[in-house]
Amino acid sequence: MIAITLGFAAPAPKSSAAAAAPAAPAKQEQKSTGLSVSPEEMIILMALLQSPVFKDNFVQSCSAQSAEWLGTVQADKSCQCAFDKLIGDKDAMAKILGSVSADGSNVDISKWGFGVVEPCLPKDFPAEMDGAFVKECLKQKDLDKQVCTCMLKSVKKDYTVHSLIKTAFEDQKKLEMDITLKAAQCLAK
């Protein structure tokens, strides 16, 4: 019903998807869905990923996608954090490599895991997240602002930012069902 999406939880643009495919064990090839990277190619990929140009591109792109939900300042902070976590976590980088299809497209961010994103999330719901939730909710033609505000209050009562995003990462169907239930409860009021 309502998609909860953050920039760093959304698929990367095709141009950065190929670049976002590094790190695996250095002495063997990493294979996944037809993609194979030698140890030498892995070194080059890691060097490219750690370049200031790639970092700036990643943070700018991520921030642009996240600003509606997190606000500009928090989006910049969270995206910078996410980049640092990704670059510093060889296991996460191997997961990214494993999520890239053979042609370098179709990065499945859900395979990265919530652990990479979690430390980068704000503790409290930013005002922008409230507004984005209501805006997304209002796209449902049968819901009005009063119902959407009621749903938001119910979500905030039952979830923290961390638990909401964790559920979005790990059990999207559960989150959709919970939000649908909250909508029905708010409509019944």
N, C-alpha and C. Protein backbone atom coordinates (compact mmCIF):
# COMPACT_ATOMS: atom_id res chain seq x y z
N MET A 1 0.83 -1.19 0.00
CA MET A 1 0.00 0.00 0.00
C MET A 1 0.87 1.25 0.00
N ILE A 2 1.67 1.44 1.01
CA ILE A 2 2.56 2.59 1.07
C ILE A 2 3.98 2.06 1.09
N ALA A 3 4.79 2.51 0.17
CA ALA A 3 6.17 2.05 0.09
C ALA A 3 7.04 2.94 0.96
N ILE A 4 7.76 2.35 1.88
CA ILE A 4 8.69 3.09 2.72
C ILE A 4 10.06 2.92 2.08
N THR A 5 10.59 4.00 1.53
CA THR A 5 11.83 3.91 0.78
C THR A 5 12.76 5.04 1.17
N LEU A 6 13.99 4.71 1.39
CA LEU A 6 15.04 5.71 1.58
C LEU A 6 15.98 5.62 0.41
N GLY A 7 16.65 6.70 0.15
CA GLY A 7 17.56 6.71 -0.98
C GLY A 7 18.58 5.60 -0.95
N PHE A 8 19.15 5.35 0.20
CA PHE A 8 20.15 4.29 0.22
C PHE A 8 19.53 2.93 0.38
N ALA A 9 18.22 2.87 0.36
CA ALA A 9 17.52 1.60 0.36
C ALA A 9 16.82 1.38 -0.96
N ALA A 10 17.11 2.21 -1.94
CA ALA A 10 16.52 2.09 -3.27
C ALA A 10 17.62 1.70 -4.25
N PRO A 11 17.26 1.03 -5.33
CA PRO A 11 18.27 0.63 -6.29
C PRO A 11 19.07 1.81 -6.81
N ALA A 12 20.36 1.60 -6.96
CA ALA A 12 21.25 2.63 -7.45
C ALA A 12 21.03 2.82 -8.94
N PRO A 13 21.33 4.02 -9.45
CA PRO A 13 21.25 4.22 -10.90
C PRO A 13 22.18 3.25 -11.60
N LYS A 14 21.86 2.91 -12.84
CA LYS A 14 22.63 1.93 -13.59
C LYS A 14 24.10 2.30 -13.68
N SER A 15 24.41 3.59 -13.84
CA SER A 15 25.79 4.01 -13.99
C SER A 15 26.61 3.74 -12.74
N SER A 16 26.01 3.87 -11.57
CA SER A 16 26.77 3.60 -10.36
C SER A 16 26.65 2.16 -9.91
N ALA A 17 25.70 1.42 -10.48
CA ALA A 17 25.54 0.02 -10.09
C ALA A 17 26.76 -0.78 -10.47
N ALA A 18 27.30 -0.53 -11.64
CA ALA A 18 28.49 -1.27 -12.05
C ALA A 18 29.67 -0.91 -11.17
N ALA A 19 29.76 0.35 -10.78
CA ALA A 19 30.86 0.78 -9.93
C ALA A 19 30.68 0.31 -8.50
N ALA A 20 29.44 0.01 -8.12
CA ALA A 20 29.17 -0.39 -6.75
C ALA A 20 29.30 -1.89 -6.57
N ALA A 21 30.23 -2.50 -7.27
CA ALA A 21 30.35 -3.94 -7.24
C ALA A 21 31.73 -4.40 -6.81
N PRO A 22 32.19 -4.08 -5.61
CA PRO A 22 33.51 -4.51 -5.20
C PRO A 22 33.54 -5.65 -4.19
N ALA A 23 34.57 -5.80 -3.56
CA ALA A 23 35.16 -6.61 -2.51
C ALA A 23 34.65 -7.99 -2.24
N ALA A 24 35.56 -8.86 -2.32
CA ALA A 24 35.36 -10.26 -2.00
C ALA A 24 36.70 -10.79 -1.52
N PRO A 25 36.76 -12.05 -1.15
CA PRO A 25 38.05 -12.58 -0.75
C PRO A 25 39.09 -12.35 -1.83
N ALA A 26 40.28 -11.92 -1.45
CA ALA A 26 41.30 -11.50 -2.39
C ALA A 26 41.92 -12.64 -3.18
N LYS A 27 41.84 -13.86 -2.74
CA LYS A 27 42.56 -14.93 -3.40
C LYS A 27 41.70 -15.79 -4.31
N GLN A 28 40.43 -15.47 -4.43
CA GLN A 28 39.59 -16.25 -5.30
C GLN A 28 38.60 -15.35 -6.00
N GLU A 29 38.07 -15.84 -7.13
CA GLU A 29 37.10 -15.04 -7.85
C GLU A 29 35.76 -15.08 -7.15
N GLN A 30 35.04 -13.96 -7.19
CA GLN A 30 33.68 -13.88 -6.66
C GLN A 30 32.74 -14.12 -7.82
N LYS A 31 31.88 -15.11 -7.70
CA LYS A 31 30.94 -15.40 -8.77
C LYS A 31 29.52 -15.25 -8.24
N SER A 32 28.69 -14.64 -9.07
CA SER A 32 27.30 -14.47 -8.71
C SER A 32 26.51 -14.16 -9.96
N THR A 33 25.51 -14.91 -10.21
CA THR A 33 24.64 -14.71 -11.37
C THR A 33 25.42 -14.35 -12.63
N GLY A 34 26.55 -15.02 -12.85
CA GLY A 34 27.31 -14.82 -14.06
C GLY A 34 28.38 -13.77 -13.96
N LEU A 35 28.43 -12.97 -12.92
CA LEU A 35 29.43 -11.93 -12.77
C LEU A 35 30.65 -12.50 -12.08
N SER A 36 31.81 -12.29 -12.68
CA SER A 36 33.05 -12.82 -12.12
C SER A 36 34.07 -11.70 -12.06
N VAL A 37 34.70 -11.54 -10.92
CA VAL A 37 35.68 -10.48 -10.72
C VAL A 37 36.96 -11.11 -10.18
N SER A 38 38.05 -10.86 -10.86
CA SER A 38 39.34 -11.40 -10.42
C SER A 38 39.86 -10.56 -9.26
N PRO A 39 40.85 -11.09 -8.53
CA PRO A 39 41.44 -10.31 -7.44
C PRO A 39 42.01 -8.97 -7.91
N GLU A 40 42.59 -8.96 -9.10
CA GLU A 40 43.16 -7.72 -9.63
C GLU A 40 42.06 -6.70 -9.93
N GLU A 41 40.95 -7.19 -10.52
CA GLU A 41 39.82 -6.31 -10.80
C GLU A 41 39.20 -5.79 -9.50
N MET A 42 39.21 -6.62 -8.48
CA MET A 42 38.67 -6.22 -7.19
C MET A 42 39.47 -5.06 -6.60
N ILE A 43 40.77 -5.11 -6.73
CA ILE A 43 41.64 -4.02 -6.24
C ILE A 43 41.30 -2.73 -6.96
N ILE A 44 41.13 -2.82 -8.26
CA ILE A 44 40.78 -1.62 -9.05
C ILE A 44 39.41 -1.09 -8.65
N LEU A 45 38.44 -1.99 -8.50
CA LEU A 45 37.10 -1.57 -8.07
C LEU A 45 37.13 -0.88 -6.72
N MET A 46 37.87 -1.44 -5.78
CA MET A 46 37.96 -0.83 -4.45
C MET A 46 38.59 0.55 -4.52
N ALA A 47 39.64 0.69 -5.34
CA ALA A 47 40.28 2.00 -5.49
C ALA A 47 39.30 3.02 -6.08
N LEU A 48 38.53 2.58 -7.08
CA LEU A 48 37.53 3.48 -7.68
C LEU A 48 36.45 3.87 -6.67
N LEU A 49 35.99 2.90 -5.91
CA LEU A 49 34.94 3.18 -4.92
C LEU A 49 35.41 4.13 -3.83
N GLN A 50 36.66 4.08 -3.51
CA GLN A 50 37.18 4.93 -2.44
C GLN A 50 37.59 6.31 -2.94
N SER A 51 37.45 6.56 -4.22
CA SER A 51 37.84 7.87 -4.77
C SER A 51 36.86 8.94 -4.31
N PRO A 52 37.35 10.16 -4.13
CA PRO A 52 36.46 11.26 -3.73
C PRO A 52 35.34 11.53 -4.75
N VAL A 53 35.62 11.31 -6.02
CA VAL A 53 34.60 11.55 -7.05
C VAL A 53 33.43 10.58 -6.87
N PHE A 54 33.72 9.30 -6.68
CA PHE A 54 32.64 8.32 -6.49
C PHE A 54 31.90 8.61 -5.19
N LYS A 55 32.65 8.92 -4.14
CA LYS A 55 32.02 9.21 -2.86
C LYS A 55 31.06 10.40 -2.99
N ASP A 56 31.52 11.46 -3.62
CA ASP A 56 30.67 12.65 -3.80
C ASP A 56 29.44 12.31 -4.63
N ASN A 57 29.62 11.54 -5.69
CA ASN A 57 28.49 11.14 -6.54
C ASN A 57 27.50 10.29 -5.75
N PHE A 58 28.00 9.33 -4.98
CA PHE A 58 27.13 8.47 -4.18
C PHE A 58 26.34 9.30 -3.18
N VAL A 59 27.03 10.15 -2.42
CA VAL A 59 26.37 10.94 -1.37
C VAL A 59 25.36 11.90 -1.98
N GLN A 60 25.72 12.56 -3.09
CA GLN A 60 24.78 13.48 -3.73
C GLN A 60 23.54 12.76 -4.25
N SER A 61 23.74 11.64 -4.92
CA SER A 61 22.62 10.87 -5.45
C SER A 61 21.73 10.34 -4.32
N CYS A 62 22.36 9.76 -3.32
CA CYS A 62 21.64 9.22 -2.17
C CYS A 62 20.86 10.33 -1.46
N SER A 63 21.51 11.46 -1.23
CA SER A 63 20.86 12.58 -0.53
C SER A 63 19.67 13.11 -1.30
N ALA A 64 19.81 13.19 -2.62
CA ALA A 64 18.70 13.67 -3.44
C ALA A 64 17.50 12.74 -3.32
N GLN A 65 17.77 11.44 -3.25
CA GLN A 65 16.68 10.47 -3.15
C GLN A 65 16.10 10.40 -1.73
N SER A 66 16.87 10.78 -0.73
CA SER A 66 16.47 10.64 0.67
C SER A 66 15.90 11.91 1.28
N ALA A 67 16.16 13.05 0.67
CA ALA A 67 15.81 14.33 1.28
C ALA A 67 14.33 14.46 1.59
N GLU A 68 13.47 13.94 0.74
CA GLU A 68 12.03 14.05 0.99
C GLU A 68 11.64 13.36 2.29
N TRP A 69 12.28 12.22 2.59
CA TRP A 69 11.94 11.44 3.78
C TRP A 69 12.74 11.85 5.00
N LEU A 70 13.97 12.34 4.81
CA LEU A 70 14.84 12.63 5.95
C LEU A 70 15.14 14.11 6.15
N GLY A 71 14.86 14.92 5.17
CA GLY A 71 15.29 16.32 5.22
C GLY A 71 16.71 16.40 4.68
N THR A 72 17.09 17.53 4.17
CA THR A 72 18.38 17.69 3.49
C THR A 72 19.55 17.41 4.41
N VAL A 73 19.55 18.00 5.60
CA VAL A 73 20.69 17.83 6.51
C VAL A 73 20.83 16.37 6.95
N GLN A 74 19.73 15.75 7.37
CA GLN A 74 19.79 14.35 7.81
C GLN A 74 20.11 13.42 6.64
N ALA A 75 19.59 13.72 5.46
CA ALA A 75 19.89 12.89 4.28
C ALA A 75 21.38 12.91 3.98
N ASP A 76 21.99 14.10 4.00
CA ASP A 76 23.43 14.20 3.77
C ASP A 76 24.20 13.40 4.81
N LYS A 77 23.83 13.57 6.06
CA LYS A 77 24.50 12.86 7.15
C LYS A 77 24.34 11.34 7.02
N SER A 78 23.13 10.89 6.76
CA SER A 78 22.86 9.45 6.65
C SER A 78 23.54 8.84 5.43
N CYS A 79 23.55 9.56 4.32
CA CYS A 79 24.17 9.04 3.11
C CYS A 79 25.69 8.98 3.24
N GLN A 80 26.28 9.97 3.86
CA GLN A 80 27.72 9.95 4.13
C GLN A 80 28.06 8.74 5.01
N CYS A 81 27.28 8.54 6.02
CA CYS A 81 27.45 7.40 6.92
C CYS A 81 27.32 6.08 6.17
N ALA A 82 26.29 5.96 5.33
CA ALA A 82 26.07 4.73 4.57
C ALA A 82 27.25 4.43 3.66
N PHE A 83 27.77 5.46 3.01
CA PHE A 83 28.94 5.26 2.14
C PHE A 83 30.12 4.75 2.95
N ASP A 84 30.38 5.40 4.08
CA ASP A 84 31.50 4.98 4.93
C ASP A 84 31.33 3.55 5.42
N LYS A 85 30.10 3.18 5.78
CA LYS A 85 29.83 1.81 6.24
C LYS A 85 30.06 0.81 5.12
N LEU A 86 29.60 1.13 3.93
CA LEU A 86 29.77 0.22 2.80
C LEU A 86 31.24 0.01 2.45
N ILE A 87 31.97 1.09 2.38
CA ILE A 87 33.38 1.00 2.01
C ILE A 87 34.18 0.27 3.09
N GLY A 88 33.79 0.44 4.34
CA GLY A 88 34.54 -0.17 5.43
C GLY A 88 34.15 -1.60 5.75
N ASP A 89 33.15 -2.14 5.07
CA ASP A 89 32.65 -3.47 5.40
C ASP A 89 32.83 -4.41 4.21
N LYS A 90 33.86 -5.23 4.26
CA LYS A 90 34.17 -6.16 3.16
C LYS A 90 33.02 -7.14 2.91
N ASP A 91 32.35 -7.58 3.98
CA ASP A 91 31.22 -8.50 3.81
C ASP A 91 30.08 -7.82 3.06
N ALA A 92 29.81 -6.56 3.42
CA ALA A 92 28.75 -5.81 2.73
C ALA A 92 29.12 -5.62 1.26
N MET A 93 30.39 -5.34 1.00
CA MET A 93 30.82 -5.16 -0.37
C MET A 93 30.67 -6.47 -1.15
N ALA A 94 30.95 -7.59 -0.52
CA ALA A 94 30.75 -8.89 -1.19
C ALA A 94 29.27 -9.11 -1.48
N LYS A 95 28.40 -8.68 -0.56
CA LYS A 95 26.95 -8.80 -0.79
C LYS A 95 26.53 -7.94 -1.97
N ILE A 96 27.10 -6.75 -2.08
CA ILE A 96 26.79 -5.88 -3.20
C ILE A 96 27.20 -6.56 -4.49
N LEU A 97 28.41 -7.10 -4.50
CA LEU A 97 28.90 -7.80 -5.68
C LEU A 97 27.96 -8.94 -6.03
N GLY A 98 27.50 -9.65 -5.03
CA GLY A 98 26.59 -10.76 -5.25
C GLY A 98 25.22 -10.34 -5.71
N SER A 99 24.87 -9.08 -5.54
CA SER A 99 23.55 -8.61 -5.94
C SER A 99 23.53 -7.96 -7.32
N VAL A 100 24.70 -7.88 -7.96
CA VAL A 100 24.78 -7.26 -9.28
C VAL A 100 24.65 -8.34 -10.34
N SER A 101 23.78 -8.11 -11.31
CA SER A 101 23.63 -9.08 -12.39
C SER A 101 24.85 -9.00 -13.31
N ALA A 102 24.98 -9.97 -14.19
CA ALA A 102 26.16 -10.09 -15.05
C ALA A 102 26.38 -8.85 -15.92
N ASP A 103 25.33 -8.13 -16.26
CA ASP A 103 25.51 -6.94 -17.10
C ASP A 103 25.73 -5.67 -16.28
N GLY A 104 25.84 -5.80 -14.95
CA GLY A 104 26.12 -4.65 -14.11
C GLY A 104 24.89 -3.89 -13.67
N SER A 105 23.73 -4.39 -14.01
CA SER A 105 22.50 -3.70 -13.62
C SER A 105 21.80 -4.50 -12.53
N ASN A 106 20.63 -4.04 -12.15
CA ASN A 106 19.79 -4.77 -11.20
C ASN A 106 20.45 -5.05 -9.87
N VAL A 107 20.88 -4.01 -9.19
CA VAL A 107 21.44 -4.17 -7.86
C VAL A 107 20.29 -4.35 -6.89
N ASP A 108 20.28 -5.45 -6.16
CA ASP A 108 19.23 -5.71 -5.18
C ASP A 108 19.72 -5.24 -3.82
N ILE A 109 19.30 -4.05 -3.43
CA ILE A 109 19.76 -3.42 -2.21
C ILE A 109 19.38 -4.22 -0.98
N SER A 110 18.28 -4.95 -1.04
CA SER A 110 17.85 -5.72 0.13
C SER A 110 18.89 -6.75 0.55
N LYS A 111 19.75 -7.16 -0.38
CA LYS A 111 20.80 -8.12 -0.04
C LYS A 111 21.94 -7.47 0.74
N TRP A 112 21.99 -6.16 0.75
CA TRP A 112 23.03 -5.47 1.52
C TRP A 112 22.83 -5.72 3.00
N GLY A 113 21.59 -5.78 3.39
CA GLY A 113 21.28 -5.99 4.80
C GLY A 113 21.04 -4.70 5.54
N PHE A 114 20.18 -4.80 6.51
CA PHE A 114 19.81 -3.66 7.33
C PHE A 114 20.99 -3.16 8.15
N GLY A 115 21.92 -4.04 8.48
CA GLY A 115 23.07 -3.66 9.30
C GLY A 115 23.90 -2.54 8.73
N VAL A 116 23.94 -2.41 7.41
CA VAL A 116 24.72 -1.34 6.78
C VAL A 116 24.02 0.00 6.95
N VAL A 117 22.70 0.00 6.84
CA VAL A 117 21.92 1.23 6.89
C VAL A 117 21.59 1.66 8.32
N GLU A 118 21.37 0.71 9.18
CA GLU A 118 20.85 0.97 10.53
C GLU A 118 21.62 2.03 11.31
N PRO A 119 22.94 1.98 11.38
CA PRO A 119 23.62 3.00 12.19
C PRO A 119 23.53 4.41 11.59
N CYS A 120 23.04 4.51 10.38
CA CYS A 120 22.99 5.79 9.69
C CYS A 120 21.64 6.49 9.80
N LEU A 121 20.68 5.81 10.39
CA LEU A 121 19.33 6.37 10.51
C LEU A 121 19.22 7.31 11.70
N PRO A 122 18.35 8.32 11.57
CA PRO A 122 18.13 9.21 12.72
C PRO A 122 17.41 8.46 13.83
N LYS A 123 17.59 8.93 15.05
CA LYS A 123 16.94 8.30 16.20
C LYS A 123 15.43 8.57 16.18
N ASP A 124 15.07 9.80 15.91
CA ASP A 124 13.67 10.21 15.93
C ASP A 124 13.15 10.43 14.51
N PHE A 125 11.84 10.37 14.35
CA PHE A 125 11.22 10.64 13.06
C PHE A 125 11.42 12.11 12.70
N PRO A 126 12.11 12.40 11.61
CA PRO A 126 12.22 13.80 11.19
C PRO A 126 10.85 14.30 10.71
N ALA A 127 10.62 15.60 10.82
CA ALA A 127 9.37 16.18 10.36
C ALA A 127 9.14 15.87 8.88
N GLU A 128 10.23 15.81 8.11
CA GLU A 128 10.11 15.51 6.69
C GLU A 128 9.54 14.11 6.47
N MET A 129 9.88 13.17 7.35
CA MET A 129 9.36 11.81 7.22
C MET A 129 7.85 11.80 7.46
N ASP A 130 7.42 12.59 8.43
CA ASP A 130 5.98 12.70 8.68
C ASP A 130 5.26 13.22 7.43
N GLY A 131 5.80 14.29 6.87
CA GLY A 131 5.20 14.88 5.68
C GLY A 131 5.20 13.94 4.48
N ALA A 132 6.31 13.23 4.29
CA ALA A 132 6.41 12.29 3.17
C ALA A 132 5.44 11.12 3.34
N PHE A 133 5.28 10.67 4.58
CA PHE A 133 4.34 9.57 4.85
C PHE A 133 2.92 9.99 4.48
N VAL A 134 2.52 11.16 4.96
CA VAL A 134 1.16 11.64 4.68
C VAL A 134 0.99 11.87 3.18
N LYS A 135 1.99 12.45 2.53
CA LYS A 135 1.92 12.69 1.09
C LYS A 135 1.76 11.37 0.34
N GLU A 136 2.54 10.37 0.69
CA GLU A 136 2.45 9.05 0.05
C GLU A 136 1.09 8.42 0.32
N CYS A 137 0.62 8.56 1.53
CA CYS A 137 -0.68 8.02 1.93
C CYS A 137 -1.81 8.65 1.10
N LEU A 138 -1.73 9.95 0.89
CA LEU A 138 -2.78 10.66 0.16
C LEU A 138 -2.87 10.25 -1.31
N LYS A 139 -1.86 9.57 -1.80
CA LYS A 139 -1.90 9.06 -3.17
C LYS A 139 -2.96 7.97 -3.31
N GLN A 140 -3.33 7.39 -2.18
CA GLN A 140 -4.41 6.41 -2.18
C GLN A 140 -5.71 7.20 -2.24
N LYS A 141 -6.43 7.07 -3.30
CA LYS A 141 -7.61 7.91 -3.57
C LYS A 141 -8.70 7.80 -2.51
N ASP A 142 -8.74 6.67 -1.80
CA ASP A 142 -9.82 6.49 -0.82
C ASP A 142 -9.44 6.96 0.59
N LEU A 143 -8.27 7.57 0.74
CA LEU A 143 -7.82 8.04 2.06
C LEU A 143 -7.70 9.55 2.05
N ASP A 144 -8.16 10.19 3.14
CA ASP A 144 -8.03 11.63 3.25
C ASP A 144 -6.95 11.98 4.28
N LYS A 145 -6.68 13.25 4.43
CA LYS A 145 -5.59 13.70 5.30
C LYS A 145 -5.80 13.26 6.75
N GLN A 146 -7.03 13.30 7.22
CA GLN A 146 -7.32 12.90 8.60
C GLN A 146 -6.96 11.43 8.82
N VAL A 147 -7.32 10.57 7.88
CA VAL A 147 -7.01 9.14 7.98
C VAL A 147 -5.50 8.94 7.90
N CYS A 148 -4.85 9.64 6.99
CA CYS A 148 -3.40 9.49 6.82
C CYS A 148 -2.65 9.96 8.08
N THR A 149 -3.12 11.03 8.68
CA THR A 149 -2.50 11.52 9.92
C THR A 149 -2.72 10.51 11.05
N CYS A 150 -3.89 9.92 11.10
CA CYS A 150 -4.18 8.87 12.09
C CYS A 150 -3.24 7.68 11.89
N MET A 151 -3.05 7.29 10.63
CA MET A 151 -2.14 6.17 10.33
C MET A 151 -0.72 6.49 10.76
N LEU A 152 -0.28 7.71 10.49
CA LEU A 152 1.07 8.13 10.87
C LEU A 152 1.24 8.04 12.38
N LYS A 153 0.25 8.52 13.13
CA LYS A 153 0.33 8.44 14.60
C LYS A 153 0.41 7.00 15.05
N SER A 154 -0.33 6.12 14.41
CA SER A 154 -0.31 4.71 14.77
C SER A 154 1.04 4.07 14.43
N VAL A 155 1.58 4.42 13.29
CA VAL A 155 2.91 3.91 12.91
C VAL A 155 3.95 4.37 13.91
N LYS A 156 3.92 5.66 14.26
CA LYS A 156 4.90 6.20 15.20
C LYS A 156 4.74 5.62 16.60
N LYS A 157 3.53 5.21 16.93
CA LYS A 157 3.28 4.58 18.23
C LYS A 157 3.90 3.18 18.28
N ASP A 158 3.82 2.47 17.16
CA ASP A 158 4.26 1.07 17.12
C ASP A 158 5.69 0.87 16.63
N TYR A 159 6.27 1.86 15.97
CA TYR A 159 7.60 1.72 15.38
C TYR A 159 8.51 2.88 15.78
N THR A 160 9.78 2.57 15.86
CA THR A 160 10.82 3.61 15.88
C THR A 160 11.27 3.76 14.43
N VAL A 161 12.06 4.76 14.13
CA VAL A 161 12.61 4.89 12.77
C VAL A 161 13.35 3.60 12.42
N HIS A 162 14.16 3.12 13.35
CA HIS A 162 14.96 1.92 13.11
C HIS A 162 14.10 0.69 12.86
N SER A 163 13.08 0.48 13.70
CA SER A 163 12.25 -0.72 13.53
C SER A 163 11.40 -0.63 12.25
N LEU A 164 10.97 0.57 11.89
CA LEU A 164 10.20 0.75 10.66
C LEU A 164 11.05 0.40 9.44
N ILE A 165 12.26 0.94 9.38
CA ILE A 165 13.12 0.68 8.23
C ILE A 165 13.60 -0.77 8.23
N LYS A 166 13.84 -1.32 9.40
CA LYS A 166 14.24 -2.73 9.48
C LYS A 166 13.13 -3.62 8.92
N THR A 167 11.89 -3.34 9.28
CA THR A 167 10.77 -4.11 8.77
C THR A 167 10.64 -3.92 7.26
N ALA A 168 10.85 -2.69 6.78
CA ALA A 168 10.81 -2.44 5.34
C ALA A 168 11.87 -3.25 4.61
N PHE A 169 13.06 -3.38 5.20
CA PHE A 169 14.14 -4.17 4.60
C PHE A 169 13.85 -5.65 4.65
N GLU A 170 13.42 -6.12 5.82
CA GLU A 170 13.40 -7.56 6.07
C GLU A 170 12.05 -8.23 5.84
N ASP A 171 10.96 -7.48 5.92
CA ASP A 171 9.65 -8.10 5.77
C ASP A 171 8.64 -7.08 5.22
N GLN A 172 8.83 -6.73 3.96
CA GLN A 172 7.99 -5.72 3.31
C GLN A 172 6.51 -6.10 3.37
N LYS A 173 6.21 -7.37 3.19
CA LYS A 173 4.80 -7.83 3.23
C LYS A 173 4.19 -7.57 4.60
N LYS A 174 4.94 -7.84 5.66
CA LYS A 174 4.44 -7.58 7.02
C LYS A 174 4.14 -6.10 7.21
N LEU A 175 5.04 -5.26 6.74
CA LEU A 175 4.84 -3.82 6.87
C LEU A 175 3.60 -3.37 6.09
N GLU A 176 3.45 -3.87 4.88
CA GLU A 176 2.28 -3.51 4.08
C GLU A 176 0.99 -3.95 4.78
N MET A 177 1.00 -5.15 5.33
CA MET A 177 -0.19 -5.64 6.05
C MET A 177 -0.48 -4.78 7.28
N ASP A 178 0.57 -4.43 8.02
CA ASP A 178 0.39 -3.61 9.21
C ASP A 178 -0.16 -2.23 8.85
N ILE A 179 0.35 -1.65 7.80
CA ILE A 179 -0.14 -0.32 7.39
C ILE A 179 -1.57 -0.41 6.87
N THR A 180 -1.87 -1.48 6.16
CA THR A 180 -3.26 -1.69 5.70
C THR A 180 -4.20 -1.83 6.89
N LEU A 181 -3.79 -2.56 7.91
CA LEU A 181 -4.59 -2.70 9.13
C LEU A 181 -4.78 -1.35 9.82
N LYS A 182 -3.71 -0.58 9.89
CA LYS A 182 -3.80 0.75 10.49
C LYS A 182 -4.76 1.65 9.70
N ALA A 183 -4.73 1.52 8.38
CA ALA A 183 -5.66 2.30 7.54
C ALA A 183 -7.10 1.91 7.84
N ALA A 184 -7.36 0.61 7.95
CA ALA A 184 -8.72 0.14 8.25
C ALA A 184 -9.18 0.64 9.62
N GLN A 185 -8.28 0.59 10.61
CA GLN A 185 -8.62 1.07 11.95
C GLN A 185 -8.92 2.57 11.93
N CYS A 186 -8.13 3.32 11.20
CA CYS A 186 -8.34 4.77 11.14
C CYS A 186 -9.62 5.11 10.36
N LEU A 187 -9.92 4.34 9.33
CA LEU A 187 -11.16 4.56 8.58
C LEU A 187 -12.39 4.25 9.44
N ALA A 188 -12.24 3.31 10.36
CA ALA A 188 -13.37 2.92 11.22
C ALA A 188 -13.65 3.95 12.31
N LYS A 189 -12.73 4.85 12.56
CA LYS A 189 -12.93 5.85 13.63
C LYS A 189 -13.90 6.91 13.22
